C-alpha atoms as a PDB file:
ATOM      1  CA  MET A   1     -15.172  95.874  48.287  1.00  0.00           C
ATOM      2  CA  LEU A   2     -12.035  94.763  46.411  1.00  0.00           C
ATOM      3  CA  ALA A   3     -13.480  91.327  45.778  1.00  0.00           C
ATOM      4  CA  ALA A   4     -16.497  92.904  44.084  1.00  0.00           C
ATOM      5  CA  LEU A   5     -14.287  94.436  41.369  1.00  0.00           C
ATOM      6  CA  PRO A   6     -14.100  92.708  37.972  1.00  0.00           C
ATOM      7  CA  PRO A   7     -10.699  91.021  37.442  1.00  0.00           C
ATOM      8  CA  GLU A   8      -9.428  93.625  34.972  1.00  0.00           C
ATOM      9  CA  ASP A   9     -10.145  96.481  37.402  1.00  0.00           C
ATOM     10  CA  TYR A  10      -8.801  94.572  40.395  1.00  0.00           C
ATOM     11  CA  GLY A  11      -5.655  93.992  38.401  1.00  0.00           C
ATOM     12  CA  LEU A  12      -4.972  97.761  38.394  1.00  0.00           C
ATOM     13  CA  VAL A  13      -4.701  97.845  42.169  1.00  0.00           C
ATOM     14  CA  ALA A  14      -3.523  94.325  43.091  1.00  0.00           C
ATOM     15  CA  PRO A  15       0.233  94.899  42.462  1.00  0.00           C
ATOM     16  CA  HIS A  16       0.199  97.824  44.876  1.00  0.00           C
ATOM     17  CA  LEU A  17      -1.710  96.203  47.736  1.00  0.00           C
ATOM     18  CA  THR A  18       0.045  95.173  50.920  1.00  0.00           C
ATOM     19  CA  HIS A  19      -1.645  93.048  53.605  1.00  0.00           C
ATOM     20  CA  MET A  20      -1.377  93.694  57.306  1.00  0.00           C
ATOM     21  CA  ASP A  21      -3.039  93.205  60.676  1.00  0.00           C
ATOM     22  CA  LEU A  22      -4.226  96.235  62.587  1.00  0.00           C
ATOM     23  CA  GLU A  23      -4.383  95.880  66.362  1.00  0.00           C
ATOM     24  CA  ARG A  24      -7.330  97.132  68.349  1.00  0.00           C
ATOM     25  CA  GLY A  25      -6.946 100.776  69.377  1.00  0.00           C
ATOM     26  CA  ARG A  26      -4.601 101.737  66.561  1.00  0.00           C
ATOM     27  CA  LEU A  27      -5.150 105.303  65.246  1.00  0.00           C
ATOM     28  CA  LEU A  28      -5.093 105.531  61.459  1.00  0.00           C
ATOM     29  CA  TYR A  29      -5.978 109.177  61.102  1.00  0.00           C
ATOM     30  CA  GLU A  30      -6.714 112.195  63.284  1.00  0.00           C
ATOM     31  CA  PRO A  31      -8.756 115.188  62.106  1.00  0.00           C
ATOM     32  CA  GLY A  32      -6.664 117.313  59.739  1.00  0.00           C
ATOM     33  CA  ASP A  33      -4.196 114.485  58.852  1.00  0.00           C
ATOM     34  CA  ARG A  34      -3.455 114.090  55.158  1.00  0.00           C
ATOM     35  CA  MET A  35      -4.932 110.773  54.016  1.00  0.00           C
ATOM     36  CA  ASP A  36      -2.076 109.268  51.992  1.00  0.00           C
ATOM     37  CA  VAL A  37      -2.999 105.598  52.559  1.00  0.00           C
ATOM     38  CA  VAL A  38      -6.316 103.790  51.920  1.00  0.00           C
ATOM     39  CA  TYR A  39      -7.254 100.805  54.094  1.00  0.00           C
ATOM     40  CA  PHE A  40      -9.595  98.020  52.911  1.00  0.00           C
ATOM     41  CA  PRO A  41     -10.649  95.882  55.900  1.00  0.00           C
ATOM     42  CA  HIS A  42     -11.176  92.152  55.354  1.00  0.00           C
ATOM     43  CA  ASP A  43     -12.431  91.255  58.793  1.00  0.00           C
ATOM     44  CA  GLY A  44     -12.907  93.819  61.542  1.00  0.00           C
ATOM     45  CA  VAL A  45     -14.286  97.245  62.349  1.00  0.00           C
ATOM     46  CA  ILE A  46     -12.747 100.697  61.980  1.00  0.00           C
ATOM     47  CA  SER A  47     -14.724 103.592  63.497  1.00  0.00           C
ATOM     48  CA  LEU A  48     -14.881 107.132  62.331  1.00  0.00           C
ATOM     49  CA  MET A  49     -15.133 109.359  65.365  1.00  0.00           C
ATOM     50  CA  THR A  50     -16.301 112.968  65.526  1.00  0.00           C
ATOM     51  CA  LEU A  51     -14.322 114.910  68.139  1.00  0.00           C
ATOM     52  CA  MET A  52     -15.231 117.911  70.245  1.00  0.00           C
ATOM     53  CA  GLU A  53     -12.854 120.527  71.652  1.00  0.00           C
ATOM     54  CA  ASN A  54     -13.325 119.225  75.206  1.00  0.00           C
ATOM     55  CA  GLY A  55     -12.153 115.733  74.144  1.00  0.00           C
ATOM     56  CA  ALA A  56     -15.625 114.182  73.888  1.00  0.00           C
ATOM     57  CA  ALA A  57     -16.168 111.930  70.907  1.00  0.00           C
ATOM     58  CA  ILE A  58     -18.934 109.912  69.304  1.00  0.00           C
ATOM     59  CA  GLU A  59     -18.966 107.438  66.412  1.00  0.00           C
ATOM     60  CA  SER A  60     -20.345 108.779  63.135  1.00  0.00           C
ATOM     61  CA  ALA A  61     -19.766 105.620  61.020  1.00  0.00           C
ATOM     62  CA  ALA A  62     -18.289 102.123  61.192  1.00  0.00           C
ATOM     63  CA  ILE A  63     -16.381 100.668  58.274  1.00  0.00           C
ATOM     64  CA  GLY A  64     -15.693  96.982  57.584  1.00  0.00           C
ATOM     65  CA  ARG A  65     -15.185  94.722  54.598  1.00  0.00           C
ATOM     66  CA  GLU A  66     -17.927  96.464  52.634  1.00  0.00           C
ATOM     67  CA  GLY A  67     -15.894  99.679  52.474  1.00  0.00           C
ATOM     68  CA  ALA A  68     -12.569 101.421  52.991  1.00  0.00           C
ATOM     69  CA  VAL A  69     -10.995 104.149  55.109  1.00  0.00           C
ATOM     70  CA  GLY A  70      -9.527 107.140  53.276  1.00  0.00           C
ATOM     71  CA  LEU A  71     -11.129 106.186  49.967  1.00  0.00           C
ATOM     72  CA  THR A  72     -11.928 109.749  48.862  1.00  0.00           C
ATOM     73  CA  ALA A  73      -8.189 110.486  48.809  1.00  0.00           C
ATOM     74  CA  ALA A  74      -8.041 108.385  45.604  1.00  0.00           C
ATOM     75  CA  VAL A  75      -9.956 111.181  43.838  1.00  0.00           C
ATOM     76  CA  ALA A  76      -7.829 114.133  45.068  1.00  0.00           C
ATOM     77  CA  PRO A  77      -5.653 114.968  48.063  1.00  0.00           C
ATOM     78  CA  ARG A  78      -7.795 115.009  51.199  1.00  0.00           C
ATOM     79  CA  GLN A  79      -7.494 115.717  54.907  1.00  0.00           C
ATOM     80  CA  SER A  80      -9.335 113.522  57.369  1.00  0.00           C
ATOM     81  CA  LEU A  81     -12.451 114.992  58.914  1.00  0.00           C
ATOM     82  CA  SER A  82     -12.636 112.338  61.624  1.00  0.00           C
ATOM     83  CA  ARG A  83     -10.514 110.190  63.886  1.00  0.00           C
ATOM     84  CA  ALA A  84     -10.197 106.739  62.319  1.00  0.00           C
ATOM     85  CA  VAL A  85      -9.540 104.132  65.018  1.00  0.00           C
ATOM     86  CA  VAL A  86      -9.436 100.329  64.857  1.00  0.00           C
ATOM     87  CA  GLN A  87     -12.177  98.978  67.144  1.00  0.00           C
ATOM     88  CA  THR A  88     -11.614  95.218  66.670  1.00  0.00           C
ATOM     89  CA  HIS A  89      -8.555  93.325  65.461  1.00  0.00           C
ATOM     90  CA  CYS A  90      -8.601  93.895  61.752  1.00  0.00           C
ATOM     91  CA  ARG A  91      -6.982  92.167  58.784  1.00  0.00           C
ATOM     92  CA  CYS A  92      -6.775  94.566  55.855  1.00  0.00           C
ATOM     93  CA  SER A  93      -5.198  95.526  52.558  1.00  0.00           C
ATOM     94  CA  ARG A  94      -3.645  98.954  52.140  1.00  0.00           C
ATOM     95  CA  ILE A  95      -2.587 100.992  49.154  1.00  0.00           C
ATOM     96  CA  GLY A  96      -1.112 104.440  48.653  1.00  0.00           C
ATOM     97  CA  ALA A  97      -3.690 107.057  47.731  1.00  0.00           C
ATOM     98  CA  ASN A  98      -1.596 108.131  44.739  1.00  0.00           C
ATOM     99  CA  GLN A  99      -1.451 104.576  43.435  1.00  0.00           C
ATOM    100  CA  LEU A 100      -5.216 104.206  43.816  1.00  0.00           C
ATOM    101  CA  HIS A 101      -5.707 107.533  42.075  1.00  0.00           C
ATOM    102  CA  GLU A 102      -3.890 106.132  39.007  1.00  0.00           C
ATOM    103  CA  ALA A 103      -6.361 103.224  38.965  1.00  0.00           C
ATOM    104  CA  TRP A 104      -9.227 105.712  39.459  1.00  0.00           C
ATOM    105  CA  VAL A 105      -8.151 107.626  36.354  1.00  0.00           C
ATOM    106  CA  LYS A 106      -8.079 104.446  34.236  1.00  0.00           C
ATOM    107  CA  SER A 107     -11.194 102.601  35.470  1.00  0.00           C
ATOM    108  CA  PRO A 108     -14.822 103.799  35.269  1.00  0.00           C
ATOM    109  CA  ARG A 109     -15.788 100.906  37.611  1.00  0.00           C
ATOM    110  CA  ILE A 110     -13.360 102.077  40.317  1.00  0.00           C
ATOM    111  CA  ARG A 111     -14.695 105.606  39.934  1.00  0.00           C
ATOM    112  CA  GLU A 112     -18.260 104.326  40.331  1.00  0.00           C
ATOM    113  CA  MET A 113     -17.197 102.207  43.324  1.00  0.00           C
ATOM    114  CA  ILE A 114     -15.747 105.217  45.104  1.00  0.00           C
ATOM    115  CA  ASP A 115     -18.773 107.389  44.300  1.00  0.00           C
ATOM    116  CA  ARG A 116     -21.143 104.736  45.652  1.00  0.00           C
ATOM    117  CA  HIS A 117     -19.084 104.241  48.776  1.00  0.00           C
ATOM    118  CA  SER A 118     -19.078 107.991  49.480  1.00  0.00           C
ATOM    119  CA  GLU A 119     -22.869 108.053  49.139  1.00  0.00           C
ATOM    120  CA  ALA A 120     -23.307 105.041  51.412  1.00  0.00           C
ATOM    121  CA  LEU A 121     -20.952 106.499  54.034  1.00  0.00           C
ATOM    122  CA  LEU A 122     -22.818 109.838  53.980  1.00  0.00           C
ATOM    123  CA  GLY A 123     -26.104 108.002  54.451  1.00  0.00           C
ATOM    124  CA  HIS A 124     -24.564 106.059  57.382  1.00  0.00           C
ATOM    125  CA  ALA A 125     -23.295 109.231  59.077  1.00  0.00           C
ATOM    126  CA  THR A 126     -26.556 111.113  58.518  1.00  0.00           C
ATOM    127  CA  GLN A 127     -28.616 108.312  59.986  1.00  0.00           C
ATOM    128  CA  ALA A 128     -26.227 107.930  62.922  1.00  0.00           C
ATOM    129  CA  ALA A 129     -26.566 111.620  63.764  1.00  0.00           C
ATOM    130  CA  ALA A 130     -30.324 111.302  64.001  1.00  0.00           C
ATOM    131  CA  CYS A 131     -30.017 107.998  65.912  1.00  0.00           C
ATOM    132  CA  ASN A 132     -27.668 109.437  68.520  1.00  0.00           C
ATOM    133  CA  ALA A 133     -30.087 112.331  69.138  1.00  0.00           C
ATOM    134  CA  LEU A 134     -33.397 110.459  69.158  1.00  0.00           C
ATOM    135  CA  HIS A 135     -33.017 106.837  70.253  1.00  0.00           C
ATOM    136  CA  SER A 136     -32.395 105.130  73.548  1.00  0.00           C
ATOM    137  CA  VAL A 137     -28.968 103.922  74.636  1.00  0.00           C
ATOM    138  CA  GLU A 138     -30.223 100.321  74.660  1.00  0.00           C
ATOM    139  CA  ALA A 139     -31.486 100.542  71.082  1.00  0.00           C
ATOM    140  CA  ARG A 140     -28.250 102.229  69.939  1.00  0.00           C
ATOM    141  CA  PHE A 141     -26.103  99.660  71.721  1.00  0.00           C
ATOM    142  CA  CYS A 142     -27.983  96.853  69.977  1.00  0.00           C
ATOM    143  CA  ARG A 143     -27.535  98.656  66.660  1.00  0.00           C
ATOM    144  CA  TRP A 144     -23.820  98.976  67.277  1.00  0.00           C
ATOM    145  CA  LEU A 145     -23.394  95.318  68.200  1.00  0.00           C
ATOM    146  CA  LEU A 146     -25.253  94.225  65.052  1.00  0.00           C
ATOM    147  CA  THR A 147     -23.214  96.577  62.900  1.00  0.00           C
ATOM    148  CA  CYS A 148     -20.042  95.149  64.379  1.00  0.00           C
ATOM    149  CA  HIS A 149     -21.252  91.555  64.062  1.00  0.00           C
ATOM    150  CA  ASP A 150     -21.884  92.041  60.362  1.00  0.00           C
ATOM    151  CA  ARG A 151     -18.189  92.900  59.858  1.00  0.00           C
ATOM    152  CA  ILE A 152     -16.457  90.179  61.847  1.00  0.00           C
ATOM    153  CA  SER A 153     -16.299  86.369  61.528  1.00  0.00           C
ATOM    154  CA  THR A 154     -17.078  85.497  65.162  1.00  0.00           C
ATOM    155  CA  ASN A 155     -19.871  85.994  67.717  1.00  0.00           C
ATOM    156  CA  THR A 156     -17.372  87.422  70.184  1.00  0.00           C
ATOM    157  CA  VAL A 157     -16.683  91.136  70.155  1.00  0.00           C
ATOM    158  CA  ALA A 158     -13.680  92.283  72.137  1.00  0.00           C
ATOM    159  CA  LEU A 159     -14.378  95.747  73.541  1.00  0.00           C
ATOM    160  CA  THR A 160     -14.250  97.641  76.780  1.00  0.00           C
ATOM    161  CA  GLN A 161     -16.809  99.819  78.584  1.00  0.00           C
ATOM    162  CA  GLU A 162     -14.714 102.842  77.674  1.00  0.00           C
ATOM    163  CA  VAL A 163     -14.827 102.012  73.984  1.00  0.00           C
ATOM    164  CA  VAL A 164     -18.589 101.477  73.973  1.00  0.00           C
ATOM    165  CA  ALA A 165     -19.120 104.701  75.969  1.00  0.00           C
ATOM    166  CA  ASP A 166     -17.143 106.611  73.332  1.00  0.00           C
ATOM    167  CA  MET A 167     -19.088 104.959  70.523  1.00  0.00           C
ATOM    168  CA  LEU A 168     -22.414 105.925  72.038  1.00  0.00           C
ATOM    169  CA  GLY A 169     -21.422 109.226  73.700  1.00  0.00           C
ATOM    170  CA  VAL A 170     -22.553 108.152  77.178  1.00  0.00           C
ATOM    171  CA  GLN A 171     -21.059 107.433  80.587  1.00  0.00           C
ATOM    172  CA  ARG A 172     -19.432 104.090  81.327  1.00  0.00           C
ATOM    173  CA  THR A 173     -21.945 103.437  84.164  1.00  0.00           C
ATOM    174  CA  THR A 174     -24.721 103.686  81.557  1.00  0.00           C
ATOM    175  CA  VAL A 175     -22.978 101.111  79.358  1.00  0.00           C
ATOM    176  CA  THR A 176     -22.691  98.752  82.340  1.00  0.00           C
ATOM    177  CA  ALA A 177     -26.373  99.075  83.125  1.00  0.00           C
ATOM    178  CA  VAL A 178     -27.488  98.487  79.526  1.00  0.00           C
ATOM    179  CA  ALA A 179     -25.113  95.524  79.030  1.00  0.00           C
ATOM    180  CA  ARG A 180     -26.385  93.888  82.240  1.00  0.00           C
ATOM    181  CA  ALA A 181     -29.966  94.402  81.046  1.00  0.00           C
ATOM    182  CA  LEU A 182     -29.243  92.755  77.695  1.00  0.00           C
ATOM    183  CA  GLN A 183     -27.474  89.904  79.479  1.00  0.00           C
ATOM    184  CA  GLY A 184     -30.435  89.475  81.769  1.00  0.00           C
ATOM    185  CA  LYS A 185     -32.651  89.048  78.667  1.00  0.00           C
ATOM    186  CA  GLY A 186     -30.331  86.328  77.379  1.00  0.00           C
ATOM    187  CA  LEU A 187     -29.187  88.311  74.354  1.00  0.00           C
ATOM    188  CA  ILE A 188     -25.500  88.656  75.185  1.00  0.00           C
ATOM    189  CA  ARG A 189     -22.893  87.373  77.639  1.00  0.00           C
ATOM    190  CA  TYR A 190     -20.938  90.283  79.041  1.00  0.00           C
ATOM    191  CA  ARG A 191     -17.665  90.018  80.828  1.00  0.00           C
ATOM    192  CA  ARG A 192     -14.682  92.294  81.239  1.00  0.00           C
ATOM    193  CA  GLY A 193     -13.608  93.438  77.780  1.00  0.00           C
ATOM    194  CA  VAL A 194     -15.698  90.918  75.866  1.00  0.00           C
ATOM    195  CA  VAL A 195     -19.261  90.647  74.578  1.00  0.00           C
ATOM    196  CA  ASP A 196     -20.569  87.313  73.250  1.00  0.00           C
ATOM    197  CA  ILE A 197     -23.622  87.658  71.007  1.00  0.00           C
ATOM    198  CA  VAL A 198     -26.022  84.903  72.047  1.00  0.00           C
ATOM    199  CA  ASP A 199     -29.297  85.892  70.391  1.00  0.00           C
ATOM    200  CA  ARG A 200     -28.830  88.009  67.255  1.00  0.00           C
ATOM    201  CA  ASP A 201     -32.548  88.009  66.449  1.00  0.00           C
ATOM    202  CA  GLY A 202     -33.322  89.278  69.882  1.00  0.00           C
ATOM    203  CA  LEU A 203     -30.798  92.111  69.484  1.00  0.00           C
ATOM    204  CA  GLN A 204     -32.314  93.016  66.152  1.00  0.00           C
ATOM    205  CA  ALA A 205     -35.781  93.136  67.718  1.00  0.00           C
ATOM    206  CA  LEU A 206     -34.552  95.706  70.287  1.00  0.00           C
ATOM    207  CA  ALA A 207     -32.368  97.744  67.909  1.00  0.00           C
ATOM    208  CA  CYS A 208     -33.724 100.950  66.493  1.00  0.00           C
ATOM    209  CA  GLU A 209     -34.824 101.257  62.857  1.00  0.00           C
ATOM    210  CA  CYS A 210     -31.470 102.779  61.987  1.00  0.00           C
ATOM    211  CA  TYR A 211     -29.744  99.396  61.738  1.00  0.00           C
ATOM    212  CA  ASP A 212     -31.987  98.304  58.882  1.00  0.00           C
ATOM    213  CA  VAL A 213     -31.925 101.738  57.210  1.00  0.00           C
ATOM    214  CA  ILE A 214     -28.110 101.861  57.181  1.00  0.00           C
ATOM    215  CA  ARG A 215     -27.827  98.244  56.015  1.00  0.00           C
ATOM    216  CA  ARG A 216     -30.204  98.913  53.127  1.00  0.00           C
ATOM    217  CA  HIS A 217     -28.024 101.877  52.079  1.00  0.00           C
ATOM    218  CA  TYR A 218     -25.033  99.599  51.801  1.00  0.00           C
ATOM    219  CA  ASP A 219     -26.913  96.707  50.163  1.00  0.00           C
ATOM    220  CA  ARG A 220     -28.255  99.061  47.462  1.00  0.00           C
ATOM    221  CA  LEU A 221     -25.060 100.970  46.762  1.00  0.00           C
ATOM    222  CA  LEU A 222     -22.341  98.414  47.357  1.00  0.00           C
ATOM    223  CA  PRO A 223     -23.339  94.957  46.032  1.00  0.00           C
ATOM    224  CA  ALA A 224     -21.444  92.144  47.624  1.00  0.00           C
ATOM    225  CA  ALA A 225     -18.822  90.156  45.732  1.00  0.00           C
END
């Protein structure tokens, strides 16, 4: 997202950016937290999780290098509606929301970027809500793997059964059964805490329509650098 900005607009934020690595499992925000920092991933996945009172959770959106976490706080002070958790090791840039707000005031392009990102994220969350209600666990697992693969620079995704179960809102035993089925079809290699993507085209053939719908949202609204 940052790389897609013209040089003069990037120059408004560049002096305030700091670069850091985020370890897997790190919590960036909980629901109700004030979002005073904006994170721009370079390589990795950050999930937005919707939480229930009984502790259950499910992923509503995944954010990678195409977007940012906490971006709406650049417009006005905001509280997080979701839990933002790092799902894969993530290199990122971060900036204070107040500093990004100053750039937002000065730059029409940055304002447009934030508006487009908000629209794309809403489309992602809306499609994910329908997907979680209507599609099979296997199709949703394939969608999630493809979504993750788009945002990392390797074919190996480090994740546990517990993480996948939370992402999909299912039991760990269900994740095990689906992963073994995909491995049996030669699409992935699955071992403790790691999934190797072997046949991306095969995964895409089994994924539900939501993967393509969500990707088209981002391609239309957030052109690549």
